[in-house]
């Protein structure tokens, strides 16, 4: 079969077939009566083998090795191709994300595009200082894509930079809040918790709904962030989580302060005091937990709290008893 016929039937151009000939990949083995080179059936099979290997991403050099070297083993090369393909896909995905972020900002001209790209590059910098400056400067421009800020905040490990990103997001409005609320269901623990921290920084009226949802999250840390944010805002549903935080010694001072604020409402004061009394009974074997609960009762007004403190003044643990007695003396005044 002459080169033109091979090109038509195989889909490989005559020019590429000549290139294969020059590289020694596939050389026509026959001659026509007029002296033209002819491809045999075996030559054509080799052409299809070459195209099959090229479709996997092999270079022509590797294709020649695969076909001509009897000792060639494909496993290592295939593994390397898999790695290269994954790297390429990751780069393409990163580019797609970056383009989406630029497009979401609605740039009016190329100057806007360049400014957005500079901010995005700064947010992805290895320098914590540069990331922080980008976060702080984003609040003074309308061009920074909210999606990029949220993505940066959800993956920032430096506490100072993370604080700056939370502050910037709190200035950015409902779009960021919606994205953060969705992140509360992320399969990644760190992402869920950072999302809750970010939401807690938003103005109370805007964040209340998302934080109430977070109160029922499967992640205990997310529930705690929500309770610390909503408790001082008068949300009764936070009471069980706040009391549990006192027992577990997790931000127990802040939790006690939140309970004290909630207890400004007389009906809640009695409810909180009863709940704490129940925890005291359940924590009988843990003097340190009873001491913290006693301290939490100190700022809870009402007869139920006083009754609980009176019982604690006779506690077998001296620290608990002394604390309760001191609080009772202050109440008596």
C-alpha atoms as a PDB file:
ATOM      1  CA  UNK A   1       0.000   0.000   0.000  1.00  0.00           C
ATOM      2  CA  UNK A   2       1.435   3.377  -1.015  1.00  0.00           C
ATOM      3  CA  UNK A   3       1.831   6.236   1.429  1.00  0.00           C
ATOM      4  CA  UNK A   4      -1.261   8.132   0.186  1.00  0.00           C
ATOM      5  CA  UNK A   5      -3.497   5.090   0.670  1.00  0.00           C
ATOM      6  CA  UNK A   6      -2.051   4.482   4.129  1.00  0.00           C
ATOM      7  CA  UNK A   7      -2.677   8.114   5.098  1.00  0.00           C
ATOM      8  CA  UNK A   8      -6.314   7.957   3.968  1.00  0.00           C
ATOM      9  CA  UNK A   9      -7.057   4.661   5.723  1.00  0.00           C
ATOM     10  CA  UNK A  10      -5.123   5.247   8.951  1.00  0.00           C
ATOM     11  CA  UNK A  11      -5.857   8.939   9.516  1.00  0.00           C
ATOM     12  CA  UNK A  12      -2.127   9.602   9.913  1.00  0.00           C
ATOM     13  CA  UNK A  13      -0.982  12.308   7.519  1.00  0.00           C
ATOM     14  CA  UNK A  14       1.560  11.547   4.814  1.00  0.00           C
ATOM     15  CA  UNK A  15       3.810  14.163   6.364  1.00  0.00           C
ATOM     16  CA  UNK A  16       3.707  12.387   9.750  1.00  0.00           C
ATOM     17  CA  UNK A  17       4.358   9.020   8.042  1.00  0.00           C
ATOM     18  CA  UNK A  18       7.485  10.462   6.427  1.00  0.00           C
ATOM     19  CA  UNK A  19       8.519  11.788   9.862  1.00  0.00           C
ATOM     20  CA  UNK A  20       8.082   8.309  11.331  1.00  0.00           C
ATOM     21  CA  UNK A  21      10.274   6.990   8.490  1.00  0.00           C
ATOM     22  CA  UNK A  22      13.009   9.528   9.250  1.00  0.00           C
ATOM     23  CA  UNK A  23      12.962   8.611  12.963  1.00  0.00           C
ATOM     24  CA  UNK A  24      13.110   4.910  12.191  1.00  0.00           C
ATOM     25  CA  UNK A  25       9.751   4.301  13.846  1.00  0.00           C
ATOM     26  CA  UNK A  26       8.166   2.636  10.825  1.00  0.00           C
ATOM     27  CA  UNK A  27       9.879   2.165   7.448  1.00  0.00           C
ATOM     28  CA  UNK A  28       8.023   0.802   4.433  1.00  0.00           C
ATOM     29  CA  UNK A  29       9.424  -2.651   3.728  1.00  0.00           C
ATOM     30  CA  UNK A  30       8.353  -3.067   0.078  1.00  0.00           C
ATOM     31  CA  UNK A  31       8.817  -1.374  -3.285  1.00  0.00           C
ATOM     32  CA  UNK A  32       6.329  -0.941  -6.102  1.00  0.00           C
ATOM     33  CA  UNK A  33       7.180  -1.669  -9.718  1.00  0.00           C
ATOM     34  CA  UNK A  34       7.789   2.027 -10.190  1.00  0.00           C
ATOM     35  CA  UNK A  35      10.148   2.117  -7.215  1.00  0.00           C
ATOM     36  CA  UNK A  36       7.743   3.699  -4.710  1.00  0.00           C
ATOM     37  CA  UNK A  37       7.896   2.483  -1.154  1.00  0.00           C
ATOM     38  CA  UNK A  38       5.022   0.268  -0.108  1.00  0.00           C
ATOM     39  CA  UNK A  39       3.716  -0.431   3.380  1.00  0.00           C
ATOM     40  CA  UNK A  40       3.069  -4.053   4.278  1.00  0.00           C
ATOM     41  CA  UNK A  41       0.304  -5.248   6.598  1.00  0.00           C
ATOM     42  CA  UNK A  42       2.883  -5.520   9.355  1.00  0.00           C
ATOM     43  CA  UNK A  43       4.007  -1.922   8.726  1.00  0.00           C
ATOM     44  CA  UNK A  44       0.388  -0.742   9.008  1.00  0.00           C
ATOM     45  CA  UNK A  45      -0.111  -2.668  12.249  1.00  0.00           C
ATOM     46  CA  UNK A  46       2.988  -0.927  13.619  1.00  0.00           C
ATOM     47  CA  UNK A  47       1.529   2.464  12.631  1.00  0.00           C
ATOM     48  CA  UNK A  48      -1.615   1.699  14.639  1.00  0.00           C
ATOM     49  CA  UNK A  49       0.530   0.567  17.584  1.00  0.00           C
ATOM     50  CA  UNK A  50       2.423   3.864  17.415  1.00  0.00           C
ATOM     51  CA  UNK A  51      -0.806   5.892  17.399  1.00  0.00           C
ATOM     52  CA  UNK A  52      -2.211   3.873  20.301  1.00  0.00           C
ATOM     53  CA  UNK A  53       0.849   4.541  22.442  1.00  0.00           C
ATOM     54  CA  UNK A  54       0.882   8.212  21.490  1.00  0.00           C
ATOM     55  CA  UNK A  55      -2.741   8.480  22.649  1.00  0.00           C
ATOM     56  CA  UNK A  56      -1.497   7.615  26.151  1.00  0.00           C
ATOM     57  CA  UNK A  57       0.822  10.607  26.103  1.00  0.00           C
ATOM     58  CA  UNK A  58       4.083   8.822  25.266  1.00  0.00           C
ATOM     59  CA  UNK A  59       6.699  10.758  23.388  1.00  0.00           C
ATOM     60  CA  UNK A  60       7.890   9.363  20.045  1.00  0.00           C
ATOM     61  CA  UNK A  61      11.181   8.453  21.721  1.00  0.00           C
ATOM     62  CA  UNK A  62       9.361   6.374  24.336  1.00  0.00           C
ATOM     63  CA  UNK A  63       7.150   4.839  21.654  1.00  0.00           C
ATOM     64  CA  UNK A  64      10.254   3.643  19.771  1.00  0.00           C
ATOM     65  CA  UNK A  65      11.697   2.157  22.960  1.00  0.00           C
ATOM     66  CA  UNK A  66       8.414   0.415  23.750  1.00  0.00           C
ATOM     67  CA  UNK A  67       8.234  -1.176  20.297  1.00  0.00           C
ATOM     68  CA  UNK A  68      11.897  -1.993  19.700  1.00  0.00           C
ATOM     69  CA  UNK A  69      13.395  -2.838  23.108  1.00  0.00           C
ATOM     70  CA  UNK A  70      12.537  -6.445  24.134  1.00  0.00           C
ATOM     71  CA  UNK A  71      13.545  -5.666  27.730  1.00  0.00           C
ATOM     72  CA  UNK A  72      11.278  -2.621  27.969  1.00  0.00           C
ATOM     73  CA  UNK A  73       8.775  -2.828  30.850  1.00  0.00           C
ATOM     74  CA  UNK A  74       5.819  -0.471  30.642  1.00  0.00           C
ATOM     75  CA  UNK A  75       4.789  -0.367  34.314  1.00  0.00           C
ATOM     76  CA  UNK A  76       7.183   2.374  35.452  1.00  0.00           C
ATOM     77  CA  UNK A  77       6.480   4.490  32.367  1.00  0.00           C
ATOM     78  CA  UNK A  78       2.719   4.154  32.822  1.00  0.00           C
ATOM     79  CA  UNK A  79       3.030   5.168  36.487  1.00  0.00           C
ATOM     80  CA  UNK A  80       5.027   8.209  35.429  1.00  0.00           C
ATOM     81  CA  UNK A  81       2.392   9.096  32.825  1.00  0.00           C
ATOM     82  CA  UNK A  82      -0.303   8.853  35.486  1.00  0.00           C
ATOM     83  CA  UNK A  83       1.643  11.246  37.723  1.00  0.00           C
ATOM     84  CA  UNK A  84       2.248  13.694  34.878  1.00  0.00           C
ATOM     85  CA  UNK A  85      -1.420  13.591  33.874  1.00  0.00           C
ATOM     86  CA  UNK A  86      -2.580  14.238  37.433  1.00  0.00           C
ATOM     87  CA  UNK A  87      -0.164  17.154  37.729  1.00  0.00           C
ATOM     88  CA  UNK A  88      -1.426  18.578  34.451  1.00  0.00           C
ATOM     89  CA  UNK A  89      -5.054  18.210  35.514  1.00  0.00           C
ATOM     90  CA  UNK A  90      -4.277  19.927  38.820  1.00  0.00           C
ATOM     91  CA  UNK A  91      -2.619  22.825  36.978  1.00  0.00           C
ATOM     92  CA  UNK A  92      -5.567  23.105  34.601  1.00  0.00           C
ATOM     93  CA  UNK A  93      -8.029  23.006  37.507  1.00  0.00           C
ATOM     94  CA  UNK A  94      -6.068  25.718  39.289  1.00  0.00           C
ATOM     95  CA  UNK A  95      -6.153  27.824  36.122  1.00  0.00           C
ATOM     96  CA  UNK A  96      -9.885  27.234  35.751  1.00  0.00           C
ATOM     97  CA  UNK A  97     -10.472  28.273  39.358  1.00  0.00           C
ATOM     98  CA  UNK A  98      -8.337  31.377  38.900  1.00  0.00           C
ATOM     99  CA  UNK A  99     -10.204  32.357  35.741  1.00  0.00           C
ATOM    100  CA  UNK A 100     -13.519  31.834  37.509  1.00  0.00           C
ATOM    101  CA  UNK A 101     -12.402  34.065  40.366  1.00  0.00           C
ATOM    102  CA  UNK A 102     -11.311  36.804  37.998  1.00  0.00           C
ATOM    103  CA  UNK A 103     -14.575  36.534  36.064  1.00  0.00           C
ATOM    104  CA  UNK A 104     -16.672  36.616  39.249  1.00  0.00           C
ATOM    105  CA  UNK A 105     -15.211  40.002  40.148  1.00  0.00           C
ATOM    106  CA  UNK A 106     -16.590  41.478  36.918  1.00  0.00           C
ATOM    107  CA  UNK A 107     -13.479  43.411  35.858  1.00  0.00           C
ATOM    108  CA  UNK A 108     -14.241  46.452  33.730  1.00  0.00           C
ATOM    109  CA  UNK A 109     -10.871  46.638  31.989  1.00  0.00           C
ATOM    110  CA  UNK A 110      -7.413  45.077  31.918  1.00  0.00           C
ATOM    111  CA  UNK A 111      -6.254  47.257  34.791  1.00  0.00           C
ATOM    112  CA  UNK A 112      -8.919  45.625  36.965  1.00  0.00           C
ATOM    113  CA  UNK A 113      -7.863  42.176  35.755  1.00  0.00           C
ATOM    114  CA  UNK A 114      -4.231  42.854  36.671  1.00  0.00           C
ATOM    115  CA  UNK A 115      -5.220  44.155  40.114  1.00  0.00           C
ATOM    116  CA  UNK A 116      -7.331  41.077  40.796  1.00  0.00           C
ATOM    117  CA  UNK A 117      -4.543  38.752  39.671  1.00  0.00           C
ATOM    118  CA  UNK A 118      -2.066  40.565  41.931  1.00  0.00           C
ATOM    119  CA  UNK A 119      -4.388  40.147  44.924  1.00  0.00           C
ATOM    120  CA  UNK A 120      -4.989  36.480  44.134  1.00  0.00           C
ATOM    121  CA  UNK A 121      -1.258  35.843  43.820  1.00  0.00           C
ATOM    122  CA  UNK A 122      -0.683  37.581  47.157  1.00  0.00           C
ATOM    123  CA  UNK A 123      -3.329  35.416  48.840  1.00  0.00           C
ATOM    124  CA  UNK A 124      -1.521  32.326  47.546  1.00  0.00           C
ATOM    125  CA  UNK A 125       1.924  33.562  48.572  1.00  0.00           C
ATOM    126  CA  UNK A 126       4.256  31.513  50.797  1.00  0.00           C
ATOM    127  CA  UNK A 127       4.762  34.675  52.870  1.00  0.00           C
ATOM    128  CA  UNK A 128       2.277  35.026  55.744  1.00  0.00           C
ATOM    129  CA  UNK A 129       2.900  38.785  55.814  1.00  0.00           C
ATOM    130  CA  UNK A 130       2.036  39.128  52.148  1.00  0.00           C
ATOM    131  CA  UNK A 131      -1.138  37.060  52.587  1.00  0.00           C
ATOM    132  CA  UNK A 132      -2.178  39.222  55.517  1.00  0.00           C
ATOM    133  CA  UNK A 133      -1.625  42.458  53.575  1.00  0.00           C
ATOM    134  CA  UNK A 134      -3.711  41.043  50.722  1.00  0.00           C
ATOM    135  CA  UNK A 135      -6.516  40.151  53.129  1.00  0.00           C
ATOM    136  CA  UNK A 136      -6.530  43.599  54.710  1.00  0.00           C
ATOM    137  CA  UNK A 137      -6.325  45.426  51.389  1.00  0.00           C
ATOM    138  CA  UNK A 138      -9.185  43.376  49.933  1.00  0.00           C
ATOM    139  CA  UNK A 139     -11.665  45.221  52.155  1.00  0.00           C
ATOM    140  CA  UNK A 140     -10.824  48.490  50.419  1.00  0.00           C
ATOM    141  CA  UNK A 141     -11.534  47.231  46.905  1.00  0.00           C
ATOM    142  CA  UNK A 142     -14.615  45.891  45.180  1.00  0.00           C
ATOM    143  CA  UNK A 143     -12.529  43.855  42.774  1.00  0.00           C
ATOM    144  CA  UNK A 144     -11.486  41.028  45.107  1.00  0.00           C
ATOM    145  CA  UNK A 145     -13.589  37.932  44.295  1.00  0.00           C
ATOM    146  CA  UNK A 146     -15.478  36.796  47.396  1.00  0.00           C
ATOM    147  CA  UNK A 147     -14.914  33.170  46.368  1.00  0.00           C
ATOM    148  CA  UNK A 148     -11.164  33.696  46.564  1.00  0.00           C
ATOM    149  CA  UNK A 149     -11.364  35.229  50.036  1.00  0.00           C
ATOM    150  CA  UNK A 150     -13.532  32.388  51.302  1.00  0.00           C
ATOM    151  CA  UNK A 151     -11.213  29.774  49.800  1.00  0.00           C
ATOM    152  CA  UNK A 152      -8.205  31.463  51.405  1.00  0.00           C
ATOM    153  CA  UNK A 153      -9.914  31.694  54.812  1.00  0.00           C
ATOM    154  CA  UNK A 154     -10.994  28.055  54.783  1.00  0.00           C
ATOM    155  CA  UNK A 155      -7.423  26.847  54.180  1.00  0.00           C
ATOM    156  CA  UNK A 156      -5.341  29.400  56.119  1.00  0.00           C
ATOM    157  CA  UNK A 157      -3.319  27.861  58.968  1.00  0.00           C
ATOM    158  CA  UNK A 158      -1.529  30.984  60.204  1.00  0.00           C
ATOM    159  CA  UNK A 159      -3.679  32.404  63.047  1.00  0.00           C
ATOM    160  CA  UNK A 160      -2.797  36.037  62.342  1.00  0.00           C
ATOM    161  CA  UNK A 161      -3.558  35.784  58.629  1.00  0.00           C
ATOM    162  CA  UNK A 162      -6.716  33.788  59.403  1.00  0.00           C
ATOM    163  CA  UNK A 163      -7.914  36.581  61.703  1.00  0.00           C
ATOM    164  CA  UNK A 164      -7.364  39.157  58.963  1.00  0.00           C
ATOM    165  CA  UNK A 165      -9.244  37.025  56.453  1.00  0.00           C
ATOM    166  CA  UNK A 166     -12.180  36.600  58.859  1.00  0.00           C
ATOM    167  CA  UNK A 167     -12.299  40.353  59.346  1.00  0.00           C
ATOM    168  CA  UNK A 168     -12.223  40.965  55.598  1.00  0.00           C
ATOM    169  CA  UNK A 169     -15.000  38.444  54.984  1.00  0.00           C
ATOM    170  CA  UNK A 170     -17.184  40.042  57.640  1.00  0.00           C
ATOM    171  CA  UNK A 171     -17.124  43.221  55.538  1.00  0.00           C
ATOM    172  CA  UNK A 172     -18.044  41.446  52.312  1.00  0.00           C
ATOM    173  CA  UNK A 173     -21.752  40.677  52.726  1.00  0.00           C
ATOM    174  CA  UNK A 174     -24.225  37.902  51.998  1.00  0.00           C
ATOM    175  CA  UNK A 175     -22.340  36.165  49.183  1.00  0.00           C
ATOM    176  CA  UNK A 176     -19.460  35.228  51.486  1.00  0.00           C
ATOM    177  CA  UNK A 177     -21.876  34.157  54.229  1.00  0.00           C
ATOM    178  CA  UNK A 178     -23.659  31.773  51.855  1.00  0.00           C
ATOM    179  CA  UNK A 179     -20.364  30.159  50.801  1.00  0.00           C
ATOM    180  CA  UNK A 180     -19.226  29.809  54.411  1.00  0.00           C
ATOM    181  CA  UNK A 181     -22.556  28.290  55.434  1.00  0.00           C
ATOM    182  CA  UNK A 182     -22.158  25.669  52.720  1.00  0.00           C
ATOM    183  CA  UNK A 183     -18.654  24.913  54.010  1.00  0.00           C
ATOM    184  CA  UNK A 184     -20.110  23.874  57.389  1.00  0.00           C
ATOM    185  CA  UNK A 185     -20.982  20.565  55.685  1.00  0.00           C
ATOM    186  CA  UNK A 186     -17.483  20.038  54.277  1.00  0.00           C
ATOM    187  CA  UNK A 187     -16.015  16.552  54.783  1.00  0.00           C
ATOM    188  CA  UNK A 188     -12.789  18.248  55.952  1.00  0.00           C
ATOM    189  CA  UNK A 189     -12.749  18.926  59.698  1.00  0.00           C
ATOM    190  CA  UNK A 190     -10.493  21.990  59.490  1.00  0.00           C
ATOM    191  CA  UNK A 191     -12.647  23.544  56.772  1.00  0.00           C
ATOM    192  CA  UNK A 192     -15.844  23.131  58.834  1.00  0.00           C
ATOM    193  CA  UNK A 193     -14.276  24.710  61.884  1.00  0.00           C
ATOM    194  CA  UNK A 194     -12.737  27.617  60.019  1.00  0.00           C
ATOM    195  CA  UNK A 195     -16.090  28.264  58.356  1.00  0.00           C
ATOM    196  CA  UNK A 196     -17.767  28.448  61.769  1.00  0.00           C
ATOM    197  CA  UNK A 197     -15.102  30.846  63.046  1.00  0.00           C
ATOM    198  CA  UNK A 198     -15.584  33.073  60.023  1.00  0.00           C
ATOM    199  CA  UNK A 199     -19.380  33.129  60.361  1.00  0.00           C
ATOM    200  CA  UNK A 200     -19.051  34.101  64.031  1.00  0.00           C
ATOM    201  CA  UNK A 201     -17.319  37.322  62.939  1.00  0.00           C
ATOM    202  CA  UNK A 202     -20.289  38.520  60.863  1.00  0.00           C
ATOM    203  CA  UNK A 203     -22.795  41.082  62.220  1.00  0.00           C
ATOM    204  CA  UNK A 204     -25.319  39.345  64.521  1.00  0.00           C
ATOM    205  CA  UNK A 205     -28.381  39.905  62.362  1.00  0.00           C
ATOM    206  CA  UNK A 206     -26.698  38.527  59.256  1.00  0.00           C
ATOM    207  CA  UNK A 207     -25.064  35.497  60.836  1.00  0.00           C
ATOM    208  CA  UNK A 208     -27.808  34.368  63.235  1.00  0.00           C
ATOM    209  CA  UNK A 209     -29.429  31.880  60.863  1.00  0.00           C
ATOM    210  CA  UNK A 210     -26.165  30.226  59.846  1.00  0.00           C
ATOM    211  CA  UNK A 211     -25.003  30.019  63.457  1.00  0.00           C
ATOM    212  CA  UNK A 212     -28.267  28.417  64.607  1.00  0.00           C
ATOM    213  CA  UNK A 213     -27.761  25.791  61.937  1.00  0.00           C
ATOM    214  CA  UNK A 214     -24.193  25.318  63.158  1.00  0.00           C
ATOM    215  CA  UNK A 215     -25.517  24.619  66.675  1.00  0.00           C
ATOM    216  CA  UNK A 216     -26.805  21.266  65.417  1.00  0.00           C
ATOM    217  CA  UNK A 217     -23.725  20.381  63.375  1.00  0.00           C
ATOM    218  CA  UNK A 218     -22.252  16.904  63.859  1.00  0.00           C
ATOM    219  CA  UNK A 219     -18.871  18.493  64.579  1.00  0.00           C
ATOM    220  CA  UNK A 220     -18.574  19.356  68.292  1.00  0.00           C
ATOM    221  CA  UNK A 221     -16.047  22.125  67.637  1.00  0.00           C
ATOM    222  CA  UNK A 222     -18.433  23.777  65.152  1.00  0.00           C
ATOM    223  CA  UNK A 223     -21.224  23.673  67.758  1.00  0.00           C
ATOM    224  CA  UNK A 224     -18.898  25.296  70.291  1.00  0.00           C
ATOM    225  CA  UNK A 225     -17.940  28.157  67.963  1.00  0.00           C
ATOM    226  CA  UNK A 226     -21.620  28.759  67.269  1.00  0.00           C
ATOM    227  CA  UNK A 227     -22.524  28.689  70.967  1.00  0.00           C
ATOM    228  CA  UNK A 228     -19.822  31.206  71.884  1.00  0.00           C
ATOM    229  CA  UNK A 229     -21.076  33.515  69.142  1.00  0.00           C
ATOM    230  CA  UNK A 230     -24.814  33.152  69.805  1.00  0.00           C
ATOM    231  CA  UNK A 231     -24.763  32.904  73.602  1.00  0.00           C
ATOM    232  CA  UNK A 232     -23.860  36.556  74.203  1.00  0.00           C
ATOM    233  CA  UNK A 233     -26.590  37.448  71.695  1.00  0.00           C
ATOM    234  CA  UNK A 234     -29.261  35.875  73.925  1.00  0.00           C
ATOM    235  CA  UNK A 235     -29.817  32.550  72.146  1.00  0.00           C
ATOM    236  CA  UNK A 236     -31.260  30.022  74.688  1.00  0.00           C
ATOM    237  CA  UNK A 237     -30.423  27.040  72.460  1.00  0.00           C
ATOM    238  CA  UNK A 238     -26.736  27.560  73.275  1.00  0.00           C
ATOM    239  CA  UNK A 239     -27.140  26.737  76.977  1.00  0.00           C
ATOM    240  CA  UNK A 240     -26.424  22.954  76.835  1.00  0.00           C
ATOM    241  CA  UNK A 241     -23.304  23.454  74.715  1.00  0.00           C
ATOM    242  CA  UNK A 242     -22.010  26.288  76.894  1.00  0.00           C
ATOM    243  CA  UNK A 243     -22.445  24.259  80.092  1.00  0.00           C
ATOM    244  CA  UNK A 244     -20.718  21.289  78.475  1.00  0.00           C
ATOM    245  CA  UNK A 245     -17.803  23.584  77.568  1.00  0.00           C
ATOM    246  CA  UNK A 246     -17.471  24.563  81.251  1.00  0.00           C
ATOM    247  CA  UNK A 247     -17.422  20.876  82.239  1.00  0.00           C
ATOM    248  CA  UNK A 248     -14.887  19.990  79.529  1.00  0.00           C
ATOM    249  CA  UNK A 249     -12.704  23.059  80.271  1.00  0.00           C
ATOM    250  CA  UNK A 250     -12.914  24.273  76.682  1.00  0.00           C
ATOM    251  CA  UNK A 251     -13.084  28.080  76.575  1.00  0.00           C
ATOM    252  CA  UNK A 252     -14.819  27.690  79.922  1.00  0.00           C
ATOM    253  CA  UNK A 253     -14.336  31.328  80.969  1.00  0.00           C
ATOM    254  CA  UNK A 254     -15.941  32.604  77.771  1.00  0.00           C
ATOM    255  CA  UNK A 255     -18.712  30.020  78.120  1.00  0.00           C
ATOM    256  CA  UNK A 256     -19.392  31.119  81.720  1.00  0.00           C
ATOM    257  CA  UNK A 257     -19.537  34.744  80.619  1.00  0.00           C
ATOM    258  CA  UNK A 258     -22.053  33.841  77.915  1.00  0.00           C
ATOM    259  CA  UNK A 259     -24.193  31.962  80.454  1.00  0.00           C
ATOM    260  CA  UNK A 260     -24.069  34.977  82.762  1.00  0.00           C
ATOM    261  CA  UNK A 261     -25.316  37.198  79.955  1.00  0.00           C
ATOM    262  CA  UNK A 262     -28.149  34.800  79.150  1.00  0.00           C
ATOM    263  CA  UNK A 263     -29.106  34.710  82.842  1.00  0.00           C
ATOM    264  CA  UNK A 264     -30.081  38.361  82.708  1.00  0.00           C
ATOM    265  CA  UNK A 265     -33.509  37.013  81.708  1.00  0.00           C
ATOM    266  CA  UNK A 266     -35.073  35.650  84.955  1.00  0.00           C
ATOM    267  CA  UNK A 267     -36.698  32.626  83.333  1.00  0.00           C
ATOM    268  CA  UNK A 268     -33.410  31.663  81.669  1.00  0.00           C
ATOM    269  CA  UNK A 269     -31.526  32.180  84.948  1.00  0.00           C
ATOM    270  CA  UNK A 270     -33.596  29.479  86.628  1.00  0.00           C
ATOM    271  CA  UNK A 271     -33.220  27.176  83.631  1.00  0.00           C
ATOM    272  CA  UNK A 272     -29.429  27.661  83.529  1.00  0.00           C
ATOM    273  CA  UNK A 273     -29.079  27.124  87.287  1.00  0.00           C
ATOM    274  CA  UNK A 274     -31.073  23.880  87.095  1.00  0.00           C
ATOM    275  CA  UNK A 275     -28.997  22.659  84.158  1.00  0.00           C
ATOM    276  CA  UNK A 276     -25.728  23.439  85.951  1.00  0.00           C
ATOM    277  CA  UNK A 277     -26.986  21.671  89.093  1.00  0.00           C
ATOM    278  CA  UNK A 278     -27.659  18.601  87.007  1.00  0.00           C
ATOM    279  CA  UNK A 279     -24.119  18.712  85.630  1.00  0.00           C
ATOM    280  CA  UNK A 280     -22.721  19.053  89.165  1.00  0.00           C
ATOM    281  CA  UNK A 281     -24.452  15.815  90.097  1.00  0.00           C
ATOM    282  CA  UNK A 282     -23.136  14.084  86.977  1.00  0.00           C
ATOM    283  CA  UNK A 283     -19.601  15.372  87.692  1.00  0.00           C
ATOM    284  CA  UNK A 284     -19.451  13.993  91.247  1.00  0.00           C
ATOM    285  CA  UNK A 285     -16.200  12.158  90.568  1.00  0.00           C
ATOM    286  CA  UNK A 286     -14.455  15.203  89.027  1.00  0.00           C
ATOM    287  CA  UNK A 287     -13.655  17.968  91.555  1.00  0.00           C
ATOM    288  CA  UNK A 288     -12.101  20.225  88.902  1.00  0.00           C
ATOM    289  CA  UNK A 289     -15.318  20.159  86.845  1.00  0.00           C
ATOM    290  CA  UNK A 290     -17.383  20.940  89.972  1.00  0.00           C
ATOM    291  CA  UNK A 291     -15.100  23.893  90.735  1.00  0.00           C
ATOM    292  CA  UNK A 292     -15.653  25.326  87.267  1.00  0.00           C
ATOM    293  CA  UNK A 293     -19.404  24.793  87.520  1.00  0.00           C
ATOM    294  CA  UNK A 294     -19.405  26.501  90.914  1.00  0.00           C
ATOM    295  CA  UNK A 295     -17.646  29.491  89.402  1.00  0.00           C
ATOM    296  CA  UNK A 296     -20.175  29.534  86.555  1.00  0.00           C
ATOM    297  CA  UNK A 297     -23.023  29.609  89.119  1.00  0.00           C
ATOM    298  CA  UNK A 298     -21.516  32.680  90.751  1.00  0.00           C
ATOM    299  CA  UNK A 299     -23.002  35.023  88.168  1.00  0.00           C
ATOM    300  CA  UNK A 300     -26.362  33.266  87.831  1.00  0.00           C
ATOM    301  CA  UNK A 301     -29.020  35.067  89.906  1.00  0.00           C
ATOM    302  CA  UNK A 302     -32.083  33.508  91.483  1.00  0.00           C
ATOM    303  CA  UNK A 303     -33.068  30.974  94.136  1.00  0.00           C
ATOM    304  CA  UNK A 304     -32.125  27.854  92.178  1.00  0.00           C
ATOM    305  CA  UNK A 305     -28.528  29.017  91.839  1.00  0.00           C
ATOM    306  CA  UNK A 306     -28.411  29.971  95.524  1.00  0.00           C
ATOM    307  CA  UNK A 307     -29.725  26.546  96.517  1.00  0.00           C
ATOM    308  CA  UNK A 308     -27.125  24.832  94.343  1.00  0.00           C
ATOM    309  CA  UNK A 309     -24.341  26.948  95.832  1.00  0.00           C
ATOM    310  CA  UNK A 310     -25.525  26.150  99.372  1.00  0.00           C
ATOM    311  CA  UNK A 311     -25.192  22.437  98.626  1.00  0.00           C
ATOM    312  CA  UNK A 312     -21.768  22.971  97.069  1.00  0.00           C
ATOM    313  CA  UNK A 313     -20.557  24.870 100.162  1.00  0.00           C
ATOM    314  CA  UNK A 314     -20.587  21.465 101.901  1.00  0.00           C
ATOM    315  CA  UNK A 315     -18.774  19.701  99.053  1.00  0.00           C
ATOM    316  CA  UNK A 316     -16.078  17.197 100.013  1.00  0.00           C
ATOM    317  CA  UNK A 317     -13.606  19.042  97.783  1.00  0.00           C
ATOM    318  CA  UNK A 318     -12.257  21.997  99.719  1.00  0.00           C
ATOM    319  CA  UNK A 319     -11.760  24.139  96.626  1.00  0.00           C
ATOM    320  CA  UNK A 320     -15.398  23.662  95.607  1.00  0.00           C
ATOM    321  CA  UNK A 321     -16.674  24.298  99.132  1.00  0.00           C
ATOM    322  CA  UNK A 322     -14.598  27.459  99.669  1.00  0.00           C
ATOM    323  CA  UNK A 323     -15.594  28.889  96.293  1.00  0.00           C
ATOM    324  CA  UNK A 324     -19.291  28.222  96.901  1.00  0.00           C
ATOM    325  CA  UNK A 325     -19.143  29.696 100.423  1.00  0.00           C
ATOM    326  CA  UNK A 326     -17.421  32.824  99.149  1.00  0.00           C
ATOM    327  CA  UNK A 327     -20.018  33.320  96.404  1.00  0.00           C
ATOM    328  CA  UNK A 328     -22.818  32.876  98.965  1.00  0.00           C
ATOM    329  CA  UNK A 329     -21.240  35.505 101.206  1.00  0.00           C
ATOM    330  CA  UNK A 330     -21.233  37.959  98.318  1.00  0.00           C
ATOM    331  CA  UNK A 331     -24.890  37.201  97.619  1.00  0.00           C
ATOM    332  CA  UNK A 332     -25.755  37.741 101.290  1.00  0.00           C
ATOM    333  CA  UNK A 333     -24.397  41.260 101.096  1.00  0.00           C
END
